[in-house]
C-alpha cells in the first residue's frame, strides 16, 4: 500500500484511469503550490498581499490566460490530456468566469495533475516558467 502521499506512485495504466476531473482536482493544488512558492520567493511580504496575489493568479480567468500561453508548447500527449479535460462536462461554473475560461482552467489543472502524477517535475517547472514570465509581483 502506498503511504507516500506527497509522491504517489501510480503506473501509466493507473494514471489513465484517473478522470479528467480527478486530474484537475490534484492539479489545482499543484498549480496553487507553484504559484504560492513563486509569490513567496519573489518578496510579497504581508499575509494580505500573499493571499490577494495568490487569488488573482489562480482564478479561472488567470488560468485561462496561462493556458493560452502554453498551448503552443504542449506535446501531442499533453495536448490530448488538455483537450480531454477541456471538453469534460462541467458543473457549477463560478459567476466570475465564462464557460470557456472555466473549461480552460480545468484543462490546465488537469494537465498539471497529470504531469505531477507522472513525476514530470522538470516539465511542470518549464511550463510554469512560461506562465509566470508576465507576473507582476
N, C-alpha and C. Protein backbone atom coordinates (compact mmCIF):
# COMPACT_ATOMS: atom_id res chain seq x y z
N UNK A 1 0.84 -1.18 0.00
CA UNK A 1 0.00 0.00 0.00
C UNK A 1 0.89 1.25 0.00
N UNK A 2 0.55 2.20 -0.86
CA UNK A 2 1.30 3.44 -0.96
C UNK A 2 1.00 4.33 0.24
N UNK A 3 2.05 4.72 0.96
CA UNK A 3 1.85 5.63 2.09
C UNK A 3 2.59 6.95 1.89
N UNK A 4 3.18 7.15 0.72
CA UNK A 4 3.84 8.42 0.40
C UNK A 4 2.87 9.25 -0.42
N UNK A 5 2.10 10.06 0.27
CA UNK A 5 1.05 10.83 -0.40
C UNK A 5 1.57 12.12 -1.01
N UNK A 6 2.82 12.49 -0.72
CA UNK A 6 3.43 13.62 -1.40
C UNK A 6 3.96 13.23 -2.77
N UNK A 7 4.32 11.97 -2.92
CA UNK A 7 4.87 11.46 -4.17
C UNK A 7 4.16 10.15 -4.54
N UNK A 8 2.90 10.24 -4.95
CA UNK A 8 2.17 9.00 -5.23
C UNK A 8 2.83 8.21 -6.36
N UNK A 9 2.78 6.92 -6.22
CA UNK A 9 3.38 6.02 -7.21
C UNK A 9 2.26 5.32 -7.97
N UNK A 10 1.94 5.85 -9.14
CA UNK A 10 0.92 5.24 -9.98
C UNK A 10 1.56 4.85 -11.30
N UNK A 11 1.16 3.71 -11.81
CA UNK A 11 1.64 3.29 -13.12
C UNK A 11 0.94 4.13 -14.20
N UNK A 12 1.48 4.09 -15.40
CA UNK A 12 0.82 4.81 -16.50
C UNK A 12 -0.61 4.32 -16.69
N UNK A 13 -0.82 3.02 -16.52
CA UNK A 13 -2.18 2.47 -16.66
C UNK A 13 -3.10 3.02 -15.58
N UNK A 14 -2.59 3.15 -14.35
CA UNK A 14 -3.40 3.70 -13.27
C UNK A 14 -3.70 5.19 -13.50
N UNK A 15 -2.73 5.92 -14.01
CA UNK A 15 -2.94 7.33 -14.31
C UNK A 15 -4.01 7.49 -15.39
N UNK A 16 -4.00 6.60 -16.37
CA UNK A 16 -5.02 6.64 -17.42
C UNK A 16 -6.43 6.43 -16.87
N UNK A 17 -6.54 5.77 -15.75
CA UNK A 17 -7.84 5.50 -15.13
C UNK A 17 -8.38 6.70 -14.35
N UNK A 18 -7.53 7.69 -14.09
CA UNK A 18 -7.96 8.87 -13.35
C UNK A 18 -8.77 9.76 -14.30
N UNK A 19 -9.94 10.17 -13.88
CA UNK A 19 -10.78 11.02 -14.72
C UNK A 19 -10.14 12.39 -14.90
N UNK A 20 -10.59 13.12 -15.91
CA UNK A 20 -10.10 14.48 -16.12
C UNK A 20 -10.36 15.35 -14.90
N UNK A 21 -11.52 15.18 -14.29
CA UNK A 21 -11.82 15.98 -13.10
C UNK A 21 -10.96 15.55 -11.91
N UNK A 22 -10.59 14.28 -11.85
CA UNK A 22 -9.66 13.81 -10.83
C UNK A 22 -8.28 14.41 -11.03
N UNK A 23 -7.83 14.46 -12.29
CA UNK A 23 -6.55 15.09 -12.60
C UNK A 23 -6.58 16.58 -12.25
N UNK A 24 -7.71 17.24 -12.57
CA UNK A 24 -7.85 18.67 -12.26
C UNK A 24 -7.87 18.89 -10.74
N UNK A 25 -8.44 17.96 -10.02
CA UNK A 25 -8.51 18.08 -8.56
C UNK A 25 -7.11 18.14 -7.96
N UNK A 26 -6.23 17.23 -8.39
CA UNK A 26 -4.86 17.25 -7.87
C UNK A 26 -4.06 18.37 -8.52
N UNK A 27 -4.33 18.64 -9.79
CA UNK A 27 -3.61 19.70 -10.49
C UNK A 27 -3.89 21.08 -9.94
N UNK A 28 -5.08 21.28 -9.41
CA UNK A 28 -5.43 22.55 -8.77
C UNK A 28 -4.45 22.85 -7.64
N UNK A 29 -4.15 21.86 -6.85
CA UNK A 29 -3.24 22.02 -5.72
C UNK A 29 -1.81 22.21 -6.22
N UNK A 30 -1.41 21.45 -7.22
CA UNK A 30 -0.06 21.58 -7.77
C UNK A 30 0.14 23.00 -8.30
N UNK A 31 -0.83 23.49 -9.08
CA UNK A 31 -0.74 24.84 -9.65
C UNK A 31 -0.71 25.89 -8.53
N UNK A 32 -1.53 25.70 -7.52
CA UNK A 32 -1.57 26.68 -6.44
C UNK A 32 -0.29 26.67 -5.63
N UNK A 33 0.28 25.51 -5.35
CA UNK A 33 1.52 25.49 -4.56
C UNK A 33 2.67 26.09 -5.37
N UNK A 34 2.66 25.89 -6.67
CA UNK A 34 3.69 26.51 -7.50
C UNK A 34 3.52 28.03 -7.49
N UNK A 35 2.28 28.49 -7.54
CA UNK A 35 2.01 29.93 -7.50
C UNK A 35 2.39 30.52 -6.15
N UNK A 36 2.00 29.85 -5.08
CA UNK A 36 2.36 30.34 -3.75
C UNK A 36 3.88 30.38 -3.57
N UNK A 37 4.57 29.35 -4.05
CA UNK A 37 6.03 29.32 -3.97
C UNK A 37 6.63 30.47 -4.75
N UNK A 38 6.11 30.71 -5.94
CA UNK A 38 6.60 31.81 -6.77
C UNK A 38 6.44 33.13 -6.03
N UNK A 39 5.27 33.37 -5.46
CA UNK A 39 5.00 34.63 -4.77
C UNK A 39 5.91 34.79 -3.56
N UNK A 40 6.03 33.76 -2.75
CA UNK A 40 6.87 33.84 -1.55
C UNK A 40 8.34 34.09 -1.94
N UNK A 41 8.79 33.45 -2.99
CA UNK A 41 10.18 33.59 -3.42
C UNK A 41 10.45 34.93 -4.11
N UNK A 42 9.39 35.66 -4.43
CA UNK A 42 9.57 36.96 -5.09
C UNK A 42 9.23 38.13 -4.18
N UNK A 43 9.17 37.93 -2.87
CA UNK A 43 9.19 39.00 -1.91
C UNK A 43 7.88 39.63 -1.48
N UNK A 44 6.72 39.14 -1.88
CA UNK A 44 5.48 39.69 -1.35
C UNK A 44 5.43 39.31 0.13
N UNK A 45 5.33 40.30 1.01
CA UNK A 45 5.55 40.04 2.43
C UNK A 45 4.30 39.87 3.29
N UNK A 46 3.32 40.74 3.19
CA UNK A 46 2.20 40.69 4.13
C UNK A 46 1.25 39.55 3.81
N UNK A 47 0.59 39.05 4.84
CA UNK A 47 -0.38 37.97 4.64
C UNK A 47 -1.48 38.40 3.68
N UNK A 48 -1.92 39.64 3.82
CA UNK A 48 -2.97 40.15 2.93
C UNK A 48 -2.48 40.15 1.47
N UNK A 49 -1.26 40.62 1.26
CA UNK A 49 -0.71 40.63 -0.10
C UNK A 49 -0.52 39.22 -0.63
N UNK A 50 -0.04 38.32 0.20
CA UNK A 50 0.17 36.94 -0.23
C UNK A 50 -1.14 36.33 -0.72
N UNK A 51 -2.17 36.49 0.09
CA UNK A 51 -3.47 35.90 -0.27
C UNK A 51 -4.06 36.56 -1.51
N UNK A 52 -4.07 37.88 -1.54
CA UNK A 52 -4.68 38.59 -2.68
C UNK A 52 -3.95 38.26 -3.98
N UNK A 53 -2.64 38.20 -3.94
CA UNK A 53 -1.88 37.90 -5.16
C UNK A 53 -2.13 36.47 -5.60
N UNK A 54 -2.17 35.55 -4.64
CA UNK A 54 -2.44 34.15 -4.99
C UNK A 54 -3.80 34.03 -5.66
N UNK A 55 -4.82 34.62 -5.06
CA UNK A 55 -6.17 34.54 -5.63
C UNK A 55 -6.19 35.12 -7.04
N UNK A 56 -5.50 36.24 -7.25
CA UNK A 56 -5.51 36.86 -8.57
C UNK A 56 -4.85 35.99 -9.63
N UNK A 57 -3.91 35.15 -9.22
CA UNK A 57 -3.17 34.32 -10.18
C UNK A 57 -3.76 32.93 -10.39
N UNK A 58 -4.59 32.47 -9.46
CA UNK A 58 -5.14 31.11 -9.61
C UNK A 58 -6.61 31.12 -10.02
N UNK A 59 -7.24 32.28 -10.13
CA UNK A 59 -8.65 32.32 -10.56
C UNK A 59 -8.75 31.84 -12.01
N UNK A 60 -9.94 31.46 -12.40
CA UNK A 60 -10.17 30.86 -13.71
C UNK A 60 -9.70 31.77 -14.85
N UNK A 61 -9.98 33.05 -14.76
CA UNK A 61 -9.59 33.96 -15.85
C UNK A 61 -8.07 34.01 -16.00
N UNK A 62 -7.33 33.99 -14.89
CA UNK A 62 -5.87 33.98 -14.95
C UNK A 62 -5.35 32.65 -15.49
N UNK A 63 -6.00 31.56 -15.10
CA UNK A 63 -5.58 30.25 -15.61
C UNK A 63 -5.91 30.11 -17.10
N UNK A 64 -6.98 30.75 -17.55
CA UNK A 64 -7.30 30.78 -18.98
C UNK A 64 -6.14 31.44 -19.74
N UNK A 65 -5.69 32.58 -19.24
CA UNK A 65 -4.57 33.30 -19.87
C UNK A 65 -3.31 32.44 -19.84
N UNK A 66 -3.07 31.78 -18.72
CA UNK A 66 -1.91 30.89 -18.59
C UNK A 66 -1.98 29.76 -19.61
N UNK A 67 -3.15 29.19 -19.76
CA UNK A 67 -3.32 28.09 -20.72
C UNK A 67 -3.01 28.55 -22.14
N UNK A 68 -3.47 29.75 -22.49
CA UNK A 68 -3.22 30.27 -23.84
C UNK A 68 -1.72 30.40 -24.11
N UNK A 69 -0.95 30.72 -23.08
CA UNK A 69 0.50 30.89 -23.25
C UNK A 69 1.20 29.56 -23.51
N UNK A 70 0.70 28.48 -22.91
CA UNK A 70 1.45 27.21 -23.04
C UNK A 70 0.88 26.26 -24.08
N UNK A 71 -0.33 26.47 -24.54
CA UNK A 71 -0.92 25.55 -25.52
C UNK A 71 0.02 25.30 -26.70
N UNK A 72 0.64 26.32 -27.27
CA UNK A 72 1.53 26.06 -28.42
C UNK A 72 2.76 25.23 -28.07
N UNK A 73 3.08 25.12 -26.79
CA UNK A 73 4.28 24.41 -26.35
C UNK A 73 4.03 22.95 -25.99
N UNK A 74 2.77 22.54 -25.96
CA UNK A 74 2.43 21.20 -25.47
C UNK A 74 2.78 20.12 -26.47
N UNK A 75 3.25 19.00 -25.95
CA UNK A 75 3.47 17.83 -26.78
C UNK A 75 2.12 17.27 -27.20
N UNK A 76 2.13 16.35 -28.10
CA UNK A 76 0.88 15.72 -28.55
C UNK A 76 0.15 15.03 -27.40
N UNK A 77 0.90 14.33 -26.57
CA UNK A 77 0.30 13.64 -25.43
C UNK A 77 -0.28 14.64 -24.42
N UNK A 78 0.44 15.73 -24.17
CA UNK A 78 -0.06 16.77 -23.28
C UNK A 78 -1.31 17.44 -23.86
N UNK A 79 -1.31 17.67 -25.16
CA UNK A 79 -2.49 18.24 -25.82
C UNK A 79 -3.70 17.33 -25.65
N UNK A 80 -3.50 16.04 -25.75
CA UNK A 80 -4.60 15.08 -25.57
C UNK A 80 -5.19 15.19 -24.17
N UNK A 81 -4.33 15.26 -23.15
CA UNK A 81 -4.80 15.40 -21.77
C UNK A 81 -5.56 16.72 -21.62
N UNK A 82 -5.00 17.79 -22.16
CA UNK A 82 -5.60 19.12 -22.06
C UNK A 82 -6.97 19.14 -22.74
N UNK A 83 -7.05 18.64 -23.97
CA UNK A 83 -8.31 18.67 -24.73
C UNK A 83 -9.38 17.81 -24.08
N UNK A 84 -8.99 16.65 -23.58
CA UNK A 84 -9.96 15.77 -22.92
C UNK A 84 -10.57 16.47 -21.70
N UNK A 85 -9.74 17.14 -20.93
CA UNK A 85 -10.23 17.85 -19.75
C UNK A 85 -11.04 19.08 -20.13
N UNK A 86 -10.60 19.80 -21.15
CA UNK A 86 -11.33 20.99 -21.58
C UNK A 86 -12.73 20.64 -22.04
N UNK A 87 -12.88 19.47 -22.63
CA UNK A 87 -14.17 19.04 -23.16
C UNK A 87 -15.03 18.28 -22.16
N UNK A 88 -14.56 18.13 -20.94
CA UNK A 88 -15.33 17.46 -19.89
C UNK A 88 -16.55 18.28 -19.54
N UNK A 89 -17.66 17.61 -19.30
CA UNK A 89 -18.87 18.32 -18.89
C UNK A 89 -18.65 18.90 -17.49
N UNK A 90 -18.81 20.20 -17.39
CA UNK A 90 -18.55 20.91 -16.14
C UNK A 90 -19.86 21.30 -15.47
N UNK A 91 -19.84 21.29 -14.16
CA UNK A 91 -20.99 21.71 -13.37
C UNK A 91 -20.54 22.84 -12.45
N UNK A 92 -21.43 23.75 -12.15
CA UNK A 92 -21.13 24.78 -11.16
C UNK A 92 -20.05 25.76 -11.57
N UNK A 93 -20.18 26.34 -12.74
CA UNK A 93 -19.20 27.32 -13.19
C UNK A 93 -19.33 28.59 -12.33
N UNK A 94 -18.21 29.09 -11.80
CA UNK A 94 -18.26 30.29 -10.96
C UNK A 94 -18.81 31.51 -11.72
N UNK A 95 -19.47 32.39 -11.02
CA UNK A 95 -20.05 33.58 -11.65
C UNK A 95 -18.98 34.48 -12.27
N UNK A 96 -17.80 34.48 -11.70
CA UNK A 96 -16.73 35.36 -12.17
C UNK A 96 -16.02 34.83 -13.41
N UNK A 97 -16.42 33.66 -13.92
CA UNK A 97 -15.74 33.07 -15.07
C UNK A 97 -16.73 32.70 -16.15
N UNK A 98 -16.28 32.81 -17.39
CA UNK A 98 -17.10 32.33 -18.50
C UNK A 98 -16.93 30.81 -18.60
N UNK A 99 -17.80 30.17 -19.35
CA UNK A 99 -17.69 28.72 -19.55
C UNK A 99 -16.34 28.37 -20.18
N UNK A 100 -15.91 29.16 -21.16
CA UNK A 100 -14.63 28.92 -21.82
C UNK A 100 -13.46 29.08 -20.86
N UNK A 101 -13.48 30.14 -20.07
CA UNK A 101 -12.41 30.34 -19.09
C UNK A 101 -12.34 29.17 -18.11
N UNK A 102 -13.49 28.75 -17.63
CA UNK A 102 -13.51 27.67 -16.65
C UNK A 102 -13.07 26.34 -17.27
N UNK A 103 -13.47 26.10 -18.50
CA UNK A 103 -13.06 24.87 -19.19
C UNK A 103 -11.55 24.85 -19.40
N UNK A 104 -10.99 25.97 -19.79
CA UNK A 104 -9.54 26.04 -19.98
C UNK A 104 -8.79 25.95 -18.65
N UNK A 105 -9.33 26.57 -17.61
CA UNK A 105 -8.71 26.47 -16.29
C UNK A 105 -8.71 25.02 -15.81
N UNK A 106 -9.81 24.33 -16.01
CA UNK A 106 -9.91 22.92 -15.63
C UNK A 106 -8.89 22.10 -16.43
N UNK A 107 -8.77 22.39 -17.71
CA UNK A 107 -7.81 21.67 -18.55
C UNK A 107 -6.38 21.92 -18.11
N UNK A 108 -6.06 23.16 -17.76
CA UNK A 108 -4.72 23.49 -17.27
C UNK A 108 -4.44 22.72 -15.98
N UNK A 109 -5.39 22.71 -15.07
CA UNK A 109 -5.22 21.99 -13.82
C UNK A 109 -5.07 20.49 -14.07
N UNK A 110 -5.85 19.94 -14.98
CA UNK A 110 -5.74 18.51 -15.29
C UNK A 110 -4.36 18.19 -15.86
N UNK A 111 -3.87 19.05 -16.74
CA UNK A 111 -2.52 18.85 -17.29
C UNK A 111 -1.48 18.87 -16.17
N UNK A 112 -1.58 19.83 -15.26
CA UNK A 112 -0.63 19.90 -14.16
C UNK A 112 -0.76 18.68 -13.24
N UNK A 113 -1.98 18.20 -13.03
CA UNK A 113 -2.18 17.00 -12.24
C UNK A 113 -1.57 15.78 -12.90
N UNK A 114 -1.76 15.67 -14.21
CA UNK A 114 -1.23 14.54 -14.98
C UNK A 114 0.30 14.55 -14.94
N UNK A 115 0.90 15.73 -15.17
CA UNK A 115 2.36 15.82 -15.14
C UNK A 115 2.90 15.49 -13.75
N UNK A 116 2.20 15.94 -12.72
CA UNK A 116 2.61 15.64 -11.35
C UNK A 116 2.57 14.13 -11.09
N UNK A 117 1.47 13.49 -11.45
CA UNK A 117 1.35 12.06 -11.21
C UNK A 117 2.37 11.26 -12.02
N UNK A 118 2.78 11.79 -13.16
CA UNK A 118 3.80 11.14 -13.99
C UNK A 118 5.22 11.50 -13.54
N UNK A 119 5.30 12.31 -12.48
CA UNK A 119 6.59 12.72 -11.91
C UNK A 119 7.42 13.54 -12.91
N UNK A 120 6.76 14.30 -13.74
CA UNK A 120 7.45 15.13 -14.73
C UNK A 120 7.62 16.55 -14.15
N UNK A 121 8.39 16.62 -13.08
CA UNK A 121 8.55 17.87 -12.34
C UNK A 121 9.30 18.93 -13.16
N UNK A 122 10.28 18.51 -13.93
CA UNK A 122 11.00 19.48 -14.77
C UNK A 122 10.06 20.10 -15.80
N UNK A 123 9.18 19.29 -16.35
CA UNK A 123 8.23 19.81 -17.34
C UNK A 123 7.24 20.77 -16.67
N UNK A 124 6.79 20.44 -15.48
CA UNK A 124 5.93 21.36 -14.73
C UNK A 124 6.61 22.71 -14.54
N UNK A 125 7.86 22.69 -14.13
CA UNK A 125 8.61 23.92 -13.92
C UNK A 125 8.83 24.67 -15.23
N UNK A 126 9.08 23.94 -16.29
CA UNK A 126 9.27 24.56 -17.60
C UNK A 126 8.00 25.31 -18.03
N UNK A 127 6.85 24.65 -17.93
CA UNK A 127 5.59 25.28 -18.32
C UNK A 127 5.24 26.43 -17.38
N UNK A 128 5.46 26.24 -16.08
CA UNK A 128 5.14 27.30 -15.13
C UNK A 128 6.04 28.51 -15.33
N UNK A 129 7.27 28.30 -15.73
CA UNK A 129 8.18 29.42 -16.01
C UNK A 129 7.64 30.29 -17.14
N UNK A 130 7.09 29.66 -18.16
CA UNK A 130 6.48 30.41 -19.27
C UNK A 130 5.26 31.18 -18.77
N UNK A 131 4.44 30.51 -17.98
CA UNK A 131 3.23 31.15 -17.43
C UNK A 131 3.60 32.36 -16.59
N UNK A 132 4.62 32.24 -15.78
CA UNK A 132 4.95 33.29 -14.80
C UNK A 132 5.79 34.43 -15.38
N UNK A 133 6.17 34.35 -16.63
CA UNK A 133 7.01 35.39 -17.24
C UNK A 133 6.42 36.79 -17.07
N UNK A 134 5.12 36.92 -17.17
CA UNK A 134 4.48 38.24 -17.12
C UNK A 134 3.86 38.57 -15.77
N UNK A 135 4.12 37.75 -14.75
CA UNK A 135 3.58 38.06 -13.43
C UNK A 135 4.18 39.38 -12.96
N UNK A 136 3.36 40.17 -12.36
CA UNK A 136 3.80 41.46 -11.84
C UNK A 136 3.79 41.39 -10.32
N UNK A 137 4.85 40.90 -9.76
CA UNK A 137 4.96 40.71 -8.30
C UNK A 137 5.75 41.86 -7.70
